[in-house]
Amino acid sequence: MSTSYRLFKWVSYAEGISFLVLLLIAMPLKYMVDIPEPVTVIGMIHGVLFAAYVAGIAWMTILHRWRWVWALGALAAAFLPFGPFVFEAFLKRKWAS
């Protein structure tokens, strides 16, 4: 397993977790309990991690010559809850073979 793959894996996990925290904790706090501060903080953290994830997609596409379908799949996964985890499982299977 290459260093680039390991780094991408950790960035994708962090991005996926931040998205879930934003959706499942921060947003309900904002709209149900009227506490908007967590959305501001978690939203900023998620934004930085999302940018890192997109940069990681570009890096992996160039470095490992991913097919464009993989790059688009990775990008689409970022917009789905649990998407980065599912894409990571796909990558793990492909990387092992």
PDB file of N, CA and C in Angstrom:
ATOM      1  N   MET A   1       0.861  -1.178   0.000  1.00  0.00           N
ATOM      2  CA  MET A   1       0.000   0.000   0.000  1.00  0.00           C
ATOM      3  C   MET A   1       0.904   1.238   0.000  1.00  0.00           C
ATOM      4  N   SER A   2       0.692   2.112  -0.933  1.00  0.00           N
ATOM      5  CA  SER A   2       1.556   3.279  -1.069  1.00  0.00           C
ATOM      6  C   SER A   2       1.207   4.364  -0.049  1.00  0.00           C
ATOM      7  N   THR A   3       2.156   5.245   0.165  1.00  0.00           N
ATOM      8  CA  THR A   3       1.956   6.361   1.090  1.00  0.00           C
ATOM      9  C   THR A   3       0.852   7.286   0.592  1.00  0.00           C
ATOM     10  N   SER A   4       0.785   7.503  -0.712  1.00  0.00           N
ATOM     11  CA  SER A   4      -0.247   8.377  -1.267  1.00  0.00           C
ATOM     12  C   SER A   4      -1.641   7.808  -1.023  1.00  0.00           C
ATOM     13  N   TYR A   5      -1.761   6.491  -1.157  1.00  0.00           N
ATOM     14  CA  TYR A   5      -3.056   5.858  -0.902  1.00  0.00           C
ATOM     15  C   TYR A   5      -3.446   5.985   0.565  1.00  0.00           C
ATOM     16  N   ARG A   6      -2.490   5.745   1.467  1.00  0.00           N
ATOM     17  CA  ARG A   6      -2.774   5.867   2.905  1.00  0.00           C
ATOM     18  C   ARG A   6      -3.192   7.285   3.267  1.00  0.00           C
ATOM     19  N   LEU A   7      -2.510   8.276   2.728  1.00  0.00           N
ATOM     20  CA  LEU A   7      -2.862   9.669   3.000  1.00  0.00           C
ATOM     21  C   LEU A   7      -4.258   9.986   2.473  1.00  0.00           C
ATOM     22  N   PHE A   8      -4.549   9.537   1.252  1.00  0.00           N
ATOM     23  CA  PHE A   8      -5.875   9.768   0.686  1.00  0.00           C
ATOM     24  C   PHE A   8      -6.946   9.083   1.527  1.00  0.00           C
ATOM     25  N   LYS A   9      -6.652   7.878   2.012  1.00  0.00           N
ATOM     26  CA  LYS A   9      -7.605   7.143   2.838  1.00  0.00           C
ATOM     27  C   LYS A   9      -7.946   7.940   4.101  1.00  0.00           C
ATOM     28  N   TRP A  10      -6.942   8.481   4.772  1.00  0.00           N
ATOM     29  CA  TRP A  10      -7.190   9.230   6.011  1.00  0.00           C
ATOM     30  C   TRP A  10      -7.911  10.540   5.754  1.00  0.00           C
ATOM     31  N   VAL A  11      -7.589  11.198   4.650  1.00  0.00           N
ATOM     32  CA  VAL A  11      -8.313  12.432   4.300  1.00  0.00           C
ATOM     33  C   VAL A  11      -9.763  12.098   3.977  1.00  0.00           C
ATOM     34  N   SER A  12      -9.992  11.002   3.276  1.00  0.00           N
ATOM     35  CA  SER A  12     -11.373  10.631   2.928  1.00  0.00           C
ATOM     36  C   SER A  12     -12.168  10.251   4.174  1.00  0.00           C
ATOM     37  N   TYR A  13     -11.540   9.549   5.116  1.00  0.00           N
ATOM     38  CA  TYR A  13     -12.224   9.227   6.379  1.00  0.00           C
ATOM     39  C   TYR A  13     -12.564  10.500   7.152  1.00  0.00           C
ATOM     40  N   ALA A  14     -11.600  11.401   7.246  1.00  0.00           N
ATOM     41  CA  ALA A  14     -11.832  12.656   7.982  1.00  0.00           C
ATOM     42  C   ALA A  14     -12.944  13.467   7.332  1.00  0.00           C
ATOM     43  N   GLU A  15     -12.951  13.528   6.008  1.00  0.00           N
ATOM     44  CA  GLU A  15     -13.996  14.272   5.292  1.00  0.00           C
ATOM     45  C   GLU A  15     -15.361  13.620   5.521  1.00  0.00           C
ATOM     46  N   GLY A  16     -15.411  12.303   5.451  1.00  0.00           N
ATOM     47  CA  GLY A  16     -16.669  11.599   5.662  1.00  0.00           C
ATOM     48  C   GLY A  16     -17.207  11.781   7.077  1.00  0.00           C
ATOM     49  N   ILE A  17     -16.321  11.715   8.063  1.00  0.00           N
ATOM     50  CA  ILE A  17     -16.734  11.916   9.451  1.00  0.00           C
ATOM     51  C   ILE A  17     -17.219  13.341   9.665  1.00  0.00           C
ATOM     52  N   SER A  18     -16.497  14.316   9.118  1.00  0.00           N
ATOM     53  CA  SER A  18     -16.913  15.714   9.300  1.00  0.00           C
ATOM     54  C   SER A  18     -18.274  15.971   8.657  1.00  0.00           C
ATOM     55  N   PHE A  19     -18.538  15.338   7.521  1.00  0.00           N
ATOM     56  CA  PHE A  19     -19.833  15.493   6.855  1.00  0.00           C
ATOM     57  C   PHE A  19     -20.954  14.902   7.719  1.00  0.00           C
ATOM     58  N   LEU A  20     -20.698  13.720   8.287  1.00  0.00           N
ATOM     59  CA  LEU A  20     -21.703  13.097   9.152  1.00  0.00           C
ATOM     60  C   LEU A  20     -21.944  13.914  10.419  1.00  0.00           C
ATOM     61  N   VAL A  21     -20.886  14.444  11.014  1.00  0.00           N
ATOM     62  CA  VAL A  21     -21.047  15.282  12.205  1.00  0.00           C
ATOM     63  C   VAL A  21     -21.847  16.529  11.858  1.00  0.00           C
ATOM     64  N   LEU A  22     -21.563  17.111  10.698  1.00  0.00           N
ATOM     65  CA  LEU A  22     -22.311  18.294  10.258  1.00  0.00           C
ATOM     66  C   LEU A  22     -23.792  17.961  10.068  1.00  0.00           C
ATOM     67  N   LEU A  23     -24.067  16.861   9.385  1.00  0.00           N
ATOM     68  CA  LEU A  23     -25.456  16.496   9.094  1.00  0.00           C
ATOM     69  C   LEU A  23     -26.225  15.989  10.314  1.00  0.00           C
ATOM     70  N   LEU A  24     -25.581  15.176  11.145  1.00  0.00           N
ATOM     71  CA  LEU A  24     -26.295  14.476  12.209  1.00  0.00           C
ATOM     72  C   LEU A  24     -26.236  15.161  13.573  1.00  0.00           C
ATOM     73  N   ILE A  25     -25.285  16.070  13.757  1.00  0.00           N
ATOM     74  CA  ILE A  25     -25.175  16.741  15.051  1.00  0.00           C
ATOM     75  C   ILE A  25     -25.355  18.256  14.912  1.00  0.00           C
ATOM     76  N   ALA A  26     -24.522  18.882  14.094  1.00  0.00           N
ATOM     77  CA  ALA A  26     -24.526  20.346  14.013  1.00  0.00           C
ATOM     78  C   ALA A  26     -25.830  20.905  13.423  1.00  0.00           C
ATOM     79  N   MET A  27     -26.288  20.323  12.319  1.00  0.00           N
ATOM     80  CA  MET A  27     -27.518  20.834  11.690  1.00  0.00           C
ATOM     81  C   MET A  27     -28.748  20.650  12.583  1.00  0.00           C
ATOM     82  N   PRO A  28     -28.936  19.488  13.212  1.00  0.00           N
ATOM     83  CA  PRO A  28     -30.075  19.388  14.145  1.00  0.00           C
ATOM     84  C   PRO A  28     -29.981  20.372  15.306  1.00  0.00           C
ATOM     85  N   LEU A  29     -28.769  20.609  15.810  1.00  0.00           N
ATOM     86  CA  LEU A  29     -28.628  21.602  16.877  1.00  0.00           C
ATOM     87  C   LEU A  29     -29.057  22.989  16.405  1.00  0.00           C
ATOM     88  N   LYS A  30     -28.707  23.315  15.166  1.00  0.00           N
ATOM     89  CA  LYS A  30     -29.060  24.627  14.631  1.00  0.00           C
ATOM     90  C   LYS A  30     -30.563  24.762  14.436  1.00  0.00           C
ATOM     91  N   TYR A  31     -31.174  23.782  13.824  1.00  0.00           N
ATOM     92  CA  TYR A  31     -32.569  23.923  13.436  1.00  0.00           C
ATOM     93  C   TYR A  31     -33.576  23.427  14.468  1.00  0.00           C
ATOM     94  N   MET A  32     -33.167  22.571  15.380  1.00  0.00           N
ATOM     95  CA  MET A  32     -34.107  22.063  16.374  1.00  0.00           C
ATOM     96  C   MET A  32     -33.969  22.750  17.732  1.00  0.00           C
ATOM     97  N   VAL A  33     -32.743  23.134  18.062  1.00  0.00           N
ATOM     98  CA  VAL A  33     -32.490  23.703  19.386  1.00  0.00           C
ATOM     99  C   VAL A  33     -32.054  25.169  19.293  1.00  0.00           C
ATOM    100  N   ASP A  34     -31.912  25.669  18.072  1.00  0.00           N
ATOM    101  CA  ASP A  34     -31.522  27.063  17.820  1.00  0.00           C
ATOM    102  C   ASP A  34     -30.133  27.392  18.397  1.00  0.00           C
ATOM    103  N   ILE A  35     -29.190  26.485  18.163  1.00  0.00           N
ATOM    104  CA  ILE A  35     -27.793  26.714  18.527  1.00  0.00           C
ATOM    105  C   ILE A  35     -26.979  26.652  17.230  1.00  0.00           C
ATOM    106  N   PRO A  36     -26.724  27.796  16.571  1.00  0.00           N
ATOM    107  CA  PRO A  36     -26.074  27.783  15.263  1.00  0.00           C
ATOM    108  C   PRO A  36     -24.544  27.665  15.291  1.00  0.00           C
ATOM    109  N   GLU A  37     -23.913  27.848  16.431  1.00  0.00           N
ATOM    110  CA  GLU A  37     -22.454  27.874  16.489  1.00  0.00           C
ATOM    111  C   GLU A  37     -21.772  26.597  15.989  1.00  0.00           C
ATOM    112  N   PRO A  38     -22.296  25.403  16.337  1.00  0.00           N
ATOM    113  CA  PRO A  38     -21.627  24.189  15.840  1.00  0.00           C
ATOM    114  C   PRO A  38     -21.579  24.112  14.308  1.00  0.00           C
ATOM    115  N   VAL A  39     -22.594  24.630  13.638  1.00  0.00           N
ATOM    116  CA  VAL A  39     -22.588  24.610  12.173  1.00  0.00           C
ATOM    117  C   VAL A  39     -21.449  25.474  11.646  1.00  0.00           C
ATOM    118  N   THR A  40     -21.211  26.602  12.296  1.00  0.00           N
ATOM    119  CA  THR A  40     -20.132  27.488  11.871  1.00  0.00           C
ATOM    120  C   THR A  40     -18.785  26.795  12.008  1.00  0.00           C
ATOM    121  N   VAL A  41     -18.546  26.197  13.140  1.00  0.00           N
ATOM    122  CA  VAL A  41     -17.248  25.561  13.399  1.00  0.00           C
ATOM    123  C   VAL A  41     -17.077  24.289  12.577  1.00  0.00           C
ATOM    124  N   ILE A  42     -18.029  23.378  12.677  1.00  0.00           N
ATOM    125  CA  ILE A  42     -17.932  22.104  11.957  1.00  0.00           C
ATOM    126  C   ILE A  42     -18.004  22.345  10.447  1.00  0.00           C
ATOM    127  N   GLY A  43     -18.802  23.313  10.041  1.00  0.00           N
ATOM    128  CA  GLY A  43     -18.899  23.636   8.616  1.00  0.00           C
ATOM    129  C   GLY A  43     -17.575  24.098   8.040  1.00  0.00           C
ATOM    130  N   MET A  44     -16.836  24.903   8.799  1.00  0.00           N
ATOM    131  CA  MET A  44     -15.532  25.364   8.335  1.00  0.00           C
ATOM    132  C   MET A  44     -14.537  24.208   8.274  1.00  0.00           C
ATOM    133  N   ILE A  45     -14.545  23.377   9.302  1.00  0.00           N
ATOM    134  CA  ILE A  45     -13.656  22.206   9.317  1.00  0.00           C
ATOM    135  C   ILE A  45     -13.983  21.293   8.138  1.00  0.00           C
ATOM    136  N   HIS A  46     -15.265  21.064   7.917  1.00  0.00           N
ATOM    137  CA  HIS A  46     -15.682  20.211   6.795  1.00  0.00           C
ATOM    138  C   HIS A  46     -15.267  20.831   5.456  1.00  0.00           C
ATOM    139  N   GLY A  47     -15.395  22.138   5.336  1.00  0.00           N
ATOM    140  CA  GLY A  47     -14.991  22.797   4.092  1.00  0.00           C
ATOM    141  C   GLY A  47     -13.518  22.604   3.781  1.00  0.00           C
ATOM    142  N   VAL A  48     -12.679  22.727   4.796  1.00  0.00           N
ATOM    143  CA  VAL A  48     -11.239  22.518   4.613  1.00  0.00           C
ATOM    144  C   VAL A  48     -10.962  21.063   4.236  1.00  0.00           C
ATOM    145  N   LEU A  49     -11.617  20.136   4.930  1.00  0.00           N
ATOM    146  CA  LEU A  49     -11.414  18.721   4.627  1.00  0.00           C
ATOM    147  C   LEU A  49     -11.962  18.348   3.248  1.00  0.00           C
ATOM    148  N   PHE A  50     -13.068  18.978   2.842  1.00  0.00           N
ATOM    149  CA  PHE A  50     -13.610  18.732   1.504  1.00  0.00           C
ATOM    150  C   PHE A  50     -12.615  19.197   0.440  1.00  0.00           C
ATOM    151  N   ALA A  51     -12.030  20.375   0.640  1.00  0.00           N
ATOM    152  CA  ALA A  51     -11.027  20.879  -0.306  1.00  0.00           C
ATOM    153  C   ALA A  51      -9.820  19.941  -0.358  1.00  0.00           C
ATOM    154  N   ALA A  52      -9.396  19.434   0.796  1.00  0.00           N
ATOM    155  CA  ALA A  52      -8.278  18.484   0.837  1.00  0.00           C
ATOM    156  C   ALA A  52      -8.650  17.191   0.118  1.00  0.00           C
ATOM    157  N   TYR A  53      -9.890  16.752   0.272  1.00  0.00           N
ATOM    158  CA  TYR A  53     -10.363  15.532  -0.388  1.00  0.00           C
ATOM    159  C   TYR A  53     -10.363  15.710  -1.916  1.00  0.00           C
ATOM    160  N   VAL A  54     -10.852  16.844  -2.371  1.00  0.00           N
ATOM    161  CA  VAL A  54     -10.866  17.108  -3.821  1.00  0.00           C
ATOM    162  C   VAL A  54      -9.431  17.193  -4.355  1.00  0.00           C
ATOM    163  N   ALA A  55      -8.546  17.837  -3.604  1.00  0.00           N
ATOM    164  CA  ALA A  55      -7.132  17.890  -4.006  1.00  0.00           C
ATOM    165  C   ALA A  55      -6.539  16.478  -4.027  1.00  0.00           C
ATOM    166  N   GLY A  56      -6.943  15.653  -3.053  1.00  0.00           N
ATOM    167  CA  GLY A  56      -6.476  14.272  -3.022  1.00  0.00           C
ATOM    168  C   GLY A  56      -6.959  13.475  -4.218  1.00  0.00           C
ATOM    169  N   ILE A  57      -8.182  13.728  -4.635  1.00  0.00           N
ATOM    170  CA  ILE A  57      -8.704  13.061  -5.841  1.00  0.00           C
ATOM    171  C   ILE A  57      -7.849  13.436  -7.046  1.00  0.00           C
ATOM    172  N   ALA A  58      -7.566  14.729  -7.181  1.00  0.00           N
ATOM    173  CA  ALA A  58      -6.744  15.186  -8.304  1.00  0.00           C
ATOM    174  C   ALA A  58      -5.347  14.569  -8.234  1.00  0.00           C
ATOM    175  N   TRP A  59      -4.784  14.536  -7.039  1.00  0.00           N
ATOM    176  CA  TRP A  59      -3.448  13.976  -6.841  1.00  0.00           C
ATOM    177  C   TRP A  59      -3.416  12.491  -7.197  1.00  0.00           C
ATOM    178  N   MET A  60      -4.381  11.741  -6.701  1.00  0.00           N
ATOM    179  CA  MET A  60      -4.420  10.309  -6.993  1.00  0.00           C
ATOM    180  C   MET A  60      -4.690  10.051  -8.479  1.00  0.00           C
ATOM    181  N   THR A  61      -5.516  10.892  -9.087  1.00  0.00           N
ATOM    182  CA  THR A  61      -5.811  10.730 -10.512  1.00  0.00           C
ATOM    183  C   THR A  61      -4.553  10.922 -11.347  1.00  0.00           C
ATOM    184  N   ILE A  62      -3.768  11.925 -11.005  1.00  0.00           N
ATOM    185  CA  ILE A  62      -2.534  12.196 -11.761  1.00  0.00           C
ATOM    186  C   ILE A  62      -1.456  11.169 -11.420  1.00  0.00           C
ATOM    187  N   LEU A  63      -1.231  10.955 -10.127  1.00  0.00           N
ATOM    188  CA  LEU A  63      -0.132  10.099  -9.678  1.00  0.00           C
ATOM    189  C   LEU A  63      -0.335   8.634 -10.057  1.00  0.00           C
ATOM    190  N   HIS A  64      -1.544   8.127  -9.888  1.00  0.00           N
ATOM    191  CA  HIS A  64      -1.813   6.706 -10.130  1.00  0.00           C
ATOM    192  C   HIS A  64      -2.628   6.457 -11.391  1.00  0.00           C
ATOM    193  N   ARG A  65      -2.812   7.492 -12.163  1.00  0.00           N
ATOM    194  CA  ARG A  65      -3.534   7.388 -13.445  1.00  0.00           C
ATOM    195  C   ARG A  65      -4.891   6.718 -13.308  1.00  0.00           C
ATOM    196  N   TRP A  66      -5.666   7.245 -12.326  1.00  0.00           N
ATOM    197  CA  TRP A  66      -7.026   6.748 -12.158  1.00  0.00           C
ATOM    198  C   TRP A  66      -7.816   6.996 -13.426  1.00  0.00           C
ATOM    199  N   ARG A  67      -8.732   6.114 -13.700  1.00  0.00           N
ATOM    200  CA  ARG A  67      -9.672   6.365 -14.788  1.00  0.00           C
ATOM    201  C   ARG A  67     -10.577   7.525 -14.379  1.00  0.00           C
ATOM    202  N   TRP A  68     -11.070   8.262 -15.346  1.00  0.00           N
ATOM    203  CA  TRP A  68     -11.919   9.423 -15.034  1.00  0.00           C
ATOM    204  C   TRP A  68     -13.180   8.999 -14.287  1.00  0.00           C
ATOM    205  N   VAL A  69     -13.638   7.767 -14.514  1.00  0.00           N
ATOM    206  CA  VAL A  69     -14.829   7.269 -13.818  1.00  0.00           C
ATOM    207  C   VAL A  69     -14.550   7.161 -12.318  1.00  0.00           C
ATOM    208  N   TRP A  70     -13.346   6.747 -11.952  1.00  0.00           N
ATOM    209  CA  TRP A  70     -12.987   6.654 -10.533  1.00  0.00           C
ATOM    210  C   TRP A  70     -12.966   8.041  -9.912  1.00  0.00           C
ATOM    211  N   ALA A  71     -12.390   8.997 -10.616  1.00  0.00           N
ATOM    212  CA  ALA A  71     -12.315  10.369 -10.090  1.00  0.00           C
ATOM    213  C   ALA A  71     -13.724  10.939  -9.906  1.00  0.00           C
ATOM    214  N   LEU A  72     -14.588  10.730 -10.877  1.00  0.00           N
ATOM    215  CA  LEU A  72     -15.968  11.213 -10.747  1.00  0.00           C
ATOM    216  C   LEU A  72     -16.712  10.473  -9.636  1.00  0.00           C
ATOM    217  N   GLY A  73     -16.454   9.190  -9.489  1.00  0.00           N
ATOM    218  CA  GLY A  73     -17.069   8.422  -8.408  1.00  0.00           C
ATOM    219  C   GLY A  73     -16.621   8.920  -7.046  1.00  0.00           C
ATOM    220  N   ALA A  74     -15.339   9.222  -6.919  1.00  0.00           N
ATOM    221  CA  ALA A  74     -14.817   9.758  -5.658  1.00  0.00           C
ATOM    222  C   ALA A  74     -15.439  11.113  -5.354  1.00  0.00           C
ATOM    223  N   LEU A  75     -15.586  11.944  -6.363  1.00  0.00           N
ATOM    224  CA  LEU A  75     -16.199  13.258  -6.174  1.00  0.00           C
ATOM    225  C   LEU A  75     -17.674  13.123  -5.805  1.00  0.00           C
ATOM    226  N   ALA A  76     -18.390  12.240  -6.475  1.00  0.00           N
ATOM    227  CA  ALA A  76     -19.803  12.026  -6.152  1.00  0.00           C
ATOM    228  C   ALA A  76     -19.957  11.484  -4.738  1.00  0.00           C
ATOM    229  N   ALA A  77     -19.025  10.653  -4.308  1.00  0.00           N
ATOM    230  CA  ALA A  77     -19.086  10.074  -2.958  1.00  0.00           C
ATOM    231  C   ALA A  77     -19.020  11.151  -1.883  1.00  0.00           C
ATOM    232  N   ALA A  78     -18.341  12.240  -2.167  1.00  0.00           N
ATOM    233  CA  ALA A  78     -18.203  13.324  -1.183  1.00  0.00           C
ATOM    234  C   ALA A  78     -19.538  13.992  -0.881  1.00  0.00           C
ATOM    235  N   PHE A  79     -20.494  13.858  -1.758  1.00  0.00           N
ATOM    236  CA  PHE A  79     -21.789  14.512  -1.572  1.00  0.00           C
ATOM    237  C   PHE A  79     -22.850  13.584  -0.959  1.00  0.00           C
ATOM    238  N   LEU A  80     -22.464  12.350  -0.682  1.00  0.00           N
ATOM    239  CA  LEU A  80     -23.398  11.380  -0.112  1.00  0.00           C
ATOM    240  C   LEU A  80     -22.970  11.009   1.306  1.00  0.00           C
ATOM    241  N   PRO A  81     -23.918  10.954   2.247  1.00  0.00           N
ATOM    242  CA  PRO A  81     -23.544  10.457   3.566  1.00  0.00           C
ATOM    243  C   PRO A  81     -22.985   9.029   3.446  1.00  0.00           C
ATOM    244  N   PHE A  82     -21.907   8.762   4.101  1.00  0.00           N
ATOM    245  CA  PHE A  82     -21.192   7.487   4.060  1.00  0.00           C
ATOM    246  C   PHE A  82     -20.543   7.216   2.706  1.00  0.00           C
ATOM    247  N   GLY A  83     -20.649   8.138   1.762  1.00  0.00           N
ATOM    248  CA  GLY A  83     -20.069   7.956   0.433  1.00  0.00           C
ATOM    249  C   GLY A  83     -18.559   7.745   0.437  1.00  0.00           C
ATOM    250  N   PRO A  84     -17.800   8.573   1.156  1.00  0.00           N
ATOM    251  CA  PRO A  84     -16.345   8.356   1.172  1.00  0.00           C
ATOM    252  C   PRO A  84     -15.950   6.989   1.734  1.00  0.00           C
ATOM    253  N   PHE A  85     -16.724   6.468   2.682  1.00  0.00           N
ATOM    254  CA  PHE A  85     -16.418   5.156   3.256  1.00  0.00           C
ATOM    255  C   PHE A  85     -16.683   4.046   2.242  1.00  0.00           C
ATOM    256  N   VAL A  86     -17.759   4.182   1.484  1.00  0.00           N
ATOM    257  CA  VAL A  86     -18.086   3.191   0.450  1.00  0.00           C
ATOM    258  C   VAL A  86     -17.036   3.235  -0.655  1.00  0.00           C
ATOM    259  N   PHE A  87     -16.655   4.454  -1.080  1.00  0.00           N
ATOM    260  CA  PHE A  87     -15.635   4.580  -2.125  1.00  0.00           C
ATOM    261  C   PHE A  87     -14.304   4.024  -1.637  1.00  0.00           C
ATOM    262  N   GLU A  88     -13.982   4.260  -0.379  1.00  0.00           N
ATOM    263  CA  GLU A  88     -12.734   3.743   0.188  1.00  0.00           C
ATOM    264  C   GLU A  88     -12.724   2.223   0.191  1.00  0.00           C
ATOM    265  N   ALA A  89     -13.846   1.600   0.502  1.00  0.00           N
ATOM    266  CA  ALA A  89     -13.945   0.127   0.456  1.00  0.00           C
ATOM    267  C   ALA A  89     -13.732  -0.368  -0.971  1.00  0.00           C
ATOM    268  N   PHE A  90     -14.297   0.339  -1.947  1.00  0.00           N
ATOM    269  CA  PHE A  90     -14.095   0.004  -3.352  1.00  0.00           C
ATOM    270  C   PHE A  90     -12.609   0.097  -3.705  1.00  0.00           C
ATOM    271  N   LEU A  91     -11.969   1.183  -3.287  1.00  0.00           N
ATOM    272  CA  LEU A  91     -10.551   1.367  -3.574  1.00  0.00           C
ATOM    273  C   LEU A  91      -9.698   0.277  -2.930  1.00  0.00           C
ATOM    274  N   LYS A  92     -10.052  -0.078  -1.717  1.00  0.00           N
ATOM    275  CA  LYS A  92      -9.292  -1.097  -1.001  1.00  0.00           C
ATOM    276  C   LYS A  92      -9.320  -2.421  -1.765  1.00  0.00           C
ATOM    277  N   ARG A  93     -10.495  -2.769  -2.275  1.00  0.00           N
ATOM    278  CA  ARG A  93     -10.610  -4.011  -3.071  1.00  0.00           C
ATOM    279  C   ARG A  93      -9.794  -3.908  -4.360  1.00  0.00           C
ATOM    280  N   LYS A  94      -9.885  -2.779  -5.031  1.00  0.00           N
ATOM    281  CA  LYS A  94      -9.167  -2.593  -6.287  1.00  0.00           C
ATOM    282  C   LYS A  94      -7.665  -2.548  -6.059  1.00  0.00           C
ATOM    283  N   TRP A  95      -7.241  -1.881  -4.974  1.00  0.00           N
ATOM    284  CA  TRP A  95      -5.822  -1.729  -4.692  1.00  0.00           C
ATOM    285  C   TRP A  95      -5.199  -3.080  -4.350  1.00  0.00           C
ATOM    286  N   ALA A  96      -5.964  -3.940  -3.690  1.00  0.00           N
ATOM    287  CA  ALA A  96      -5.447  -5.252  -3.291  1.00  0.00           C
ATOM    288  C   ALA A  96      -5.254  -6.172  -4.494  1.00  0.00           C
ATOM    289  N   SER A  97      -6.052  -5.964  -5.537  1.00  0.00           N
ATOM    290  CA  SER A  97      -5.955  -6.854  -6.700  1.00  0.00           C
ATOM    291  C   SER A  97      -4.969  -6.367  -7.723  1.00  0.00           C
TER     292      SER A  97
END
